[in-house]
Amino acid sequence: MHTSPAIEDYLAAIYDLISSGRTVIGARLARHMKVSAPSVTEAVSRMGRDGYVRIGARKEVTLTKKGKALAEVMARRHRLLERWLTDILGLDWTEAHEEAHRLEHALSPKVEDRLAAILGMPSTCPHGNPIPGMARPSQLHPLPA
């Protein structure tokens, strides 16, 4: 199933909030993403129907295995791009974050793997957040000799 960039953004935001130890509820997600509460309600309902999230009895949002897998891909791509944009291209953190947000949806798995290899398999983004999947480099495609 193909997801939209908007759904990928929601999954990444949920992942970020969960990673920071916060319970994800609609209001918190709306503030984090700077969108309206009705937009969050609609998106969370859709993600629930599509099997990416579960909504608990207290309206807390959690990622399913499928949702977490896609959220980790998006976090990995975003954080690798931030590392590339700051370390190689010399952008400041704020610019790198905005550019990474634009580019993360277009990055292919092949380019993602090459980027990780060229950057030396970094374990964190410039902000210090862990890059998902970097502990499993054997899953990456080898660079040609």
Protein backbone atom coordinates (compact mmCIF):
# COMPACT_ATOMS: atom_id res chain seq x y z
CA MET A 1 0.00 0.00 0.00
CA HIS A 2 1.32 3.43 -0.96
CA THR A 3 1.13 6.13 1.69
CA SER A 4 0.94 9.86 1.18
CA PRO A 5 3.62 12.25 2.42
CA ALA A 6 1.06 13.59 4.91
CA ILE A 7 0.53 10.15 6.46
CA GLU A 8 4.30 9.62 6.53
CA ASP A 9 4.61 12.94 8.38
CA TYR A 10 1.99 11.87 10.93
CA LEU A 11 3.71 8.53 11.49
CA ALA A 12 7.08 10.25 11.92
CA ALA A 13 5.57 12.73 14.40
CA ILE A 14 3.97 9.92 16.42
CA TYR A 15 7.31 8.09 16.39
CA ASP A 16 9.14 11.22 17.60
CA LEU A 17 6.67 11.80 20.43
CA ILE A 18 6.78 8.15 21.53
CA SER A 19 10.60 8.19 21.34
CA SER A 20 10.67 11.20 23.66
CA GLY A 21 8.61 9.24 26.21
CA ARG A 22 5.36 11.12 25.69
CA THR A 23 1.92 9.59 25.43
CA VAL A 24 0.48 10.48 22.05
CA ILE A 25 -2.99 11.98 22.10
CA GLY A 26 -4.66 14.02 19.39
CA ALA A 27 -4.12 17.41 21.03
CA ARG A 28 -0.42 16.77 21.59
CA LEU A 29 0.00 15.53 18.03
CA ALA A 30 -1.82 18.61 16.68
CA ARG A 31 0.50 20.94 18.65
CA HIS A 32 3.60 19.00 17.57
CA MET A 33 2.64 19.13 13.90
CA LYS A 34 1.08 22.62 14.02
CA VAL A 35 -2.19 21.39 12.50
CA SER A 36 -5.80 21.52 13.64
CA ALA A 37 -7.37 18.95 15.95
CA PRO A 38 -9.94 17.93 13.28
CA SER A 39 -7.08 17.27 10.83
CA VAL A 40 -5.44 15.00 13.39
CA THR A 41 -8.70 13.18 14.09
CA GLU A 42 -9.23 12.51 10.39
CA ALA A 43 -5.64 11.39 9.79
CA VAL A 44 -5.53 9.14 12.87
CA SER A 45 -8.83 7.52 11.86
CA ARG A 46 -7.45 6.84 8.38
CA MET A 47 -4.19 5.46 9.76
CA GLY A 48 -6.21 3.22 12.06
CA ARG A 49 -8.25 1.87 9.13
CA ASP A 50 -5.03 1.32 7.17
CA GLY A 51 -3.44 -0.60 10.05
CA TYR A 52 -0.71 1.90 11.00
CA VAL A 53 -1.98 2.92 14.44
CA ARG A 54 -4.21 1.76 17.26
CA ILE A 55 -6.35 4.09 19.33
CA GLY A 56 -6.64 3.09 22.97
CA ALA A 57 -9.52 3.47 25.42
CA ARG A 58 -8.11 6.82 26.60
CA LYS A 59 -7.64 8.00 22.99
CA GLU A 60 -3.89 7.40 23.13
CA VAL A 61 -2.34 6.64 19.75
CA THR A 62 0.21 3.85 19.39
CA LEU A 63 1.98 2.54 16.33
CA THR A 64 1.27 -0.96 15.06
CA LYS A 65 4.19 -3.07 13.86
CA LYS A 66 3.42 -1.89 10.30
CA GLY A 67 3.19 1.75 11.43
CA LYS A 68 6.40 1.58 13.44
CA ALA A 69 8.28 0.07 10.50
CA LEU A 70 7.27 2.91 8.18
CA ALA A 71 7.84 5.55 10.87
CA GLU A 72 11.37 4.21 11.39
CA VAL A 73 12.06 4.41 7.66
CA MET A 74 10.94 8.03 7.65
CA ALA A 75 12.98 8.88 10.78
CA ARG A 76 16.03 7.16 9.31
CA ARG A 77 15.76 9.03 6.02
CA HIS A 78 15.16 12.37 7.72
CA ARG A 79 18.06 11.96 10.14
CA LEU A 80 20.48 10.72 7.47
CA LEU A 81 19.55 13.69 5.30
CA GLU A 82 20.10 16.07 8.23
CA ARG A 83 23.54 14.54 8.79
CA TRP A 84 24.42 14.92 5.10
CA LEU A 85 23.09 18.47 4.91
CA THR A 86 25.03 19.62 7.99
CA ASP A 87 28.22 17.56 7.72
CA ILE A 88 28.76 17.63 3.96
CA LEU A 89 26.83 20.63 2.65
CA GLY A 90 27.40 22.87 5.67
CA LEU A 91 23.81 23.92 6.35
CA ASP A 92 22.89 24.93 9.89
CA TRP A 93 20.61 22.65 11.93
CA THR A 94 17.43 24.61 11.28
CA GLU A 95 17.96 24.77 7.52
CA ALA A 96 18.97 21.10 7.47
CA HIS A 97 15.80 20.08 9.30
CA GLU A 98 13.55 21.94 6.85
CA GLU A 99 15.40 20.63 3.79
CA ALA A 100 15.42 17.07 5.15
CA HIS A 101 11.67 17.30 5.69
CA ARG A 102 11.21 18.17 2.01
CA LEU A 103 13.60 15.53 0.69
CA GLU A 104 12.75 12.54 2.94
CA HIS A 105 9.64 11.58 0.95
CA ALA A 106 11.54 11.30 -2.34
CA LEU A 107 14.52 9.28 -1.12
CA SER A 108 14.66 5.73 -2.51
CA PRO A 109 15.91 2.81 -0.40
CA LYS A 110 18.96 2.51 -2.68
CA VAL A 111 19.95 6.17 -2.24
CA GLU A 112 19.18 5.95 1.49
CA ASP A 113 21.59 3.00 1.85
CA ARG A 114 24.30 4.73 -0.20
CA LEU A 115 23.91 7.89 1.85
CA ALA A 116 24.34 5.92 5.08
CA ALA A 117 27.47 4.25 3.71
CA ILE A 118 29.01 7.50 2.44
CA LEU A 119 28.36 9.15 5.80
CA GLY A 120 30.13 6.29 7.60
CA MET A 121 27.00 4.71 9.09
CA PRO A 122 26.32 7.49 11.62
CA SER A 123 24.40 6.47 14.72
CA THR A 124 22.83 9.87 15.44
CA CYS A 125 21.53 12.91 13.60
CA PRO A 126 23.07 16.34 14.25
CA HIS A 127 20.56 16.84 17.10
CA GLY A 128 21.75 13.67 18.84
CA ASN A 129 18.70 11.54 18.03
CA PRO A 130 19.46 7.92 17.14
CA ILE A 131 19.16 6.93 13.49
CA PRO A 132 16.95 3.82 13.29
CA GLY A 133 18.45 0.83 11.53
CA MET A 134 22.07 1.84 11.92
CA ALA A 135 22.66 -1.02 14.34
CA ARG A 136 21.83 -3.43 11.51
CA PRO A 137 24.27 -2.51 8.72
CA SER A 138 24.10 -6.01 7.24
CA GLN A 139 20.68 -5.07 5.80
CA LEU A 140 22.31 -2.42 3.64
CA HIS A 141 23.26 -2.97 0.03
CA PRO A 142 27.05 -3.15 -0.38
CA LEU A 143 28.77 -0.46 -2.38
CA PRO A 144 30.29 -1.67 -5.65
CA ALA A 145 34.05 -2.22 -5.55
